[in-house]
């Protein structure tokens, strides 16, 4: 979906990579955490994931 690509491109790292790797490329949390170096897996699976999804939803619906 073009709108999804536009929203993801507007997102800063590591949120963009987290969503792309986990939900588009279907990578394991271990692989996602490697990309999000410096954060614990617990932090990535909790706070960062929730923040990324919240940011995505806000950007997606503000563009409609």
N, C-alpha and C. Protein backbone atom coordinates (compact mmCIF):
# COMPACT_ATOMS: atom_id res chain seq x y z
N UNK A 1 0.84 -1.17 0.00
CA UNK A 1 0.00 0.00 0.00
C UNK A 1 0.89 1.24 0.00
N UNK A 2 0.64 2.14 -0.91
CA UNK A 2 1.46 3.34 -1.05
C UNK A 2 1.36 4.24 0.18
N UNK A 3 0.19 4.34 0.77
CA UNK A 3 0.02 5.18 1.96
C UNK A 3 0.87 4.66 3.12
N UNK A 4 0.95 3.35 3.26
CA UNK A 4 1.78 2.76 4.32
C UNK A 4 3.25 3.10 4.09
N UNK A 5 3.70 2.98 2.86
CA UNK A 5 5.09 3.33 2.54
C UNK A 5 5.39 4.79 2.84
N UNK A 6 4.46 5.67 2.53
CA UNK A 6 4.64 7.10 2.79
C UNK A 6 4.76 7.36 4.29
N UNK A 7 3.89 6.72 5.06
CA UNK A 7 3.92 6.90 6.51
C UNK A 7 5.22 6.36 7.09
N UNK A 8 5.61 5.17 6.67
CA UNK A 8 6.86 4.59 7.19
C UNK A 8 8.06 5.46 6.85
N UNK A 9 8.09 6.02 5.65
CA UNK A 9 9.20 6.89 5.25
C UNK A 9 9.26 8.17 6.10
N UNK A 10 8.12 8.59 6.63
CA UNK A 10 8.06 9.79 7.45
C UNK A 10 8.48 9.53 8.90
N UNK A 11 8.58 8.28 9.28
CA UNK A 11 8.89 7.93 10.67
C UNK A 11 10.39 7.92 10.92
N UNK A 12 10.80 8.35 12.09
CA UNK A 12 12.23 8.30 12.44
C UNK A 12 12.64 6.89 12.87
N UNK A 13 13.94 6.66 12.86
CA UNK A 13 14.49 5.42 13.39
C UNK A 13 14.48 5.49 14.91
N UNK A 14 14.36 4.43 15.63
CA UNK A 14 14.29 3.04 15.20
C UNK A 14 12.87 2.56 14.92
N UNK A 15 11.89 3.47 15.04
CA UNK A 15 10.49 3.07 14.89
C UNK A 15 10.18 2.53 13.50
N UNK A 16 10.70 3.20 12.50
CA UNK A 16 10.49 2.77 11.11
C UNK A 16 11.00 1.34 10.90
N UNK A 17 12.24 1.10 11.28
CA UNK A 17 12.83 -0.23 11.10
C UNK A 17 12.09 -1.29 11.90
N UNK A 18 11.71 -0.95 13.11
CA UNK A 18 10.98 -1.90 13.94
C UNK A 18 9.72 -2.39 13.23
N UNK A 19 8.92 -1.46 12.73
CA UNK A 19 7.67 -1.84 12.06
C UNK A 19 7.94 -2.60 10.76
N UNK A 20 8.90 -2.14 9.98
CA UNK A 20 9.20 -2.82 8.72
C UNK A 20 9.69 -4.24 8.95
N UNK A 21 10.63 -4.40 9.87
CA UNK A 21 11.20 -5.72 10.11
C UNK A 21 10.19 -6.68 10.72
N UNK A 22 9.47 -6.23 11.71
CA UNK A 22 8.57 -7.14 12.43
C UNK A 22 7.28 -7.41 11.67
N UNK A 23 6.66 -6.40 11.12
CA UNK A 23 5.31 -6.57 10.58
C UNK A 23 5.26 -6.69 9.06
N UNK A 24 6.26 -6.23 8.36
CA UNK A 24 6.26 -6.37 6.90
C UNK A 24 7.16 -7.53 6.48
N UNK A 25 8.38 -7.56 7.03
CA UNK A 25 9.32 -8.62 6.66
C UNK A 25 9.20 -9.86 7.55
N UNK A 26 8.36 -9.78 8.60
CA UNK A 26 8.07 -10.91 9.49
C UNK A 26 9.31 -11.47 10.18
N UNK A 27 10.23 -10.60 10.58
CA UNK A 27 11.45 -11.02 11.26
C UNK A 27 11.15 -11.28 12.74
N UNK A 28 11.98 -12.10 13.34
CA UNK A 28 11.82 -12.42 14.77
C UNK A 28 12.17 -11.18 15.60
N UNK A 29 11.73 -11.21 16.87
CA UNK A 29 12.07 -10.10 17.75
C UNK A 29 13.57 -10.01 17.94
N UNK A 30 14.27 -11.13 17.93
CA UNK A 30 15.73 -11.12 18.08
C UNK A 30 16.37 -10.32 16.94
N UNK A 31 15.90 -10.52 15.71
CA UNK A 31 16.43 -9.78 14.55
C UNK A 31 16.09 -8.29 14.65
N UNK A 32 14.88 -8.00 15.09
CA UNK A 32 14.46 -6.61 15.24
C UNK A 32 15.36 -5.92 16.27
N UNK A 33 15.65 -6.62 17.36
CA UNK A 33 16.48 -6.05 18.42
C UNK A 33 17.90 -5.80 17.96
N UNK A 34 18.41 -6.61 17.05
CA UNK A 34 19.74 -6.38 16.50
C UNK A 34 19.79 -5.03 15.79
N UNK A 35 18.74 -4.71 15.06
CA UNK A 35 18.67 -3.43 14.34
C UNK A 35 18.52 -2.27 15.31
N UNK A 36 17.85 -2.52 16.41
CA UNK A 36 17.62 -1.49 17.43
C UNK A 36 18.70 -1.59 18.50
N UNK A 37 19.94 -1.62 18.08
CA UNK A 37 21.07 -1.80 19.00
C UNK A 37 21.04 -0.75 20.11
N UNK A 38 21.41 -1.20 21.29
CA UNK A 38 21.44 -0.30 22.43
C UNK A 38 20.21 -0.40 23.30
N UNK A 39 19.22 -1.14 22.85
CA UNK A 39 18.00 -1.34 23.62
C UNK A 39 17.85 -2.81 23.97
N UNK A 40 17.29 -3.09 25.13
CA UNK A 40 17.02 -4.47 25.51
C UNK A 40 15.83 -4.98 24.71
N UNK A 41 15.74 -6.30 24.58
CA UNK A 41 14.61 -6.88 23.86
C UNK A 41 13.30 -6.52 24.56
N UNK A 42 13.31 -6.49 25.87
CA UNK A 42 12.11 -6.14 26.63
C UNK A 42 11.65 -4.72 26.28
N UNK A 43 12.60 -3.80 26.17
CA UNK A 43 12.28 -2.41 25.83
C UNK A 43 11.75 -2.30 24.39
N UNK A 44 12.38 -3.04 23.47
CA UNK A 44 11.95 -3.01 22.07
C UNK A 44 10.55 -3.59 21.93
N UNK A 45 10.30 -4.73 22.57
CA UNK A 45 9.00 -5.40 22.47
C UNK A 45 7.90 -4.66 23.21
N UNK A 46 8.27 -3.83 24.13
CA UNK A 46 7.28 -3.09 24.92
C UNK A 46 7.16 -1.66 24.45
N UNK A 47 7.97 -0.80 25.06
CA UNK A 47 7.86 0.63 24.83
C UNK A 47 8.05 1.03 23.37
N UNK A 48 9.15 0.59 22.74
CA UNK A 48 9.41 1.02 21.36
C UNK A 48 8.33 0.56 20.40
N UNK A 49 7.87 -0.68 20.56
CA UNK A 49 6.81 -1.19 19.69
C UNK A 49 5.54 -0.37 19.86
N UNK A 50 5.15 -0.13 21.10
CA UNK A 50 3.93 0.63 21.35
C UNK A 50 4.04 2.06 20.81
N UNK A 51 5.19 2.68 21.02
CA UNK A 51 5.41 4.04 20.52
C UNK A 51 5.38 4.06 18.99
N UNK A 52 6.00 3.06 18.36
CA UNK A 52 6.02 2.98 16.89
C UNK A 52 4.61 2.82 16.33
N UNK A 53 3.82 1.95 16.94
CA UNK A 53 2.45 1.73 16.46
C UNK A 53 1.60 2.98 16.67
N UNK A 54 1.77 3.62 17.80
CA UNK A 54 1.03 4.85 18.08
C UNK A 54 1.38 5.95 17.06
N UNK A 55 2.68 6.09 16.79
CA UNK A 55 3.14 7.08 15.83
C UNK A 55 2.61 6.76 14.43
N UNK A 56 2.67 5.50 14.05
CA UNK A 56 2.18 5.09 12.74
C UNK A 56 0.70 5.43 12.58
N UNK A 57 -0.10 5.10 13.57
CA UNK A 57 -1.54 5.36 13.51
C UNK A 57 -1.82 6.85 13.39
N UNK A 58 -1.12 7.65 14.18
CA UNK A 58 -1.31 9.11 14.12
C UNK A 58 -0.96 9.65 12.73
N UNK A 59 0.18 9.23 12.20
CA UNK A 59 0.59 9.71 10.88
C UNK A 59 -0.34 9.21 9.78
N UNK A 60 -0.75 7.97 9.88
CA UNK A 60 -1.60 7.37 8.85
C UNK A 60 -2.94 8.09 8.76
N UNK A 61 -3.55 8.33 9.91
CA UNK A 61 -4.88 8.96 9.89
C UNK A 61 -4.83 10.47 9.72
N UNK A 62 -3.70 11.09 10.00
CA UNK A 62 -3.61 12.53 9.77
C UNK A 62 -3.44 12.83 8.28
N UNK A 63 -3.02 11.83 7.51
CA UNK A 63 -2.81 12.02 6.07
C UNK A 63 -4.05 11.73 5.24
N UNK A 64 -5.13 11.34 5.88
CA UNK A 64 -6.35 11.01 5.13
C UNK A 64 -7.33 12.15 5.10
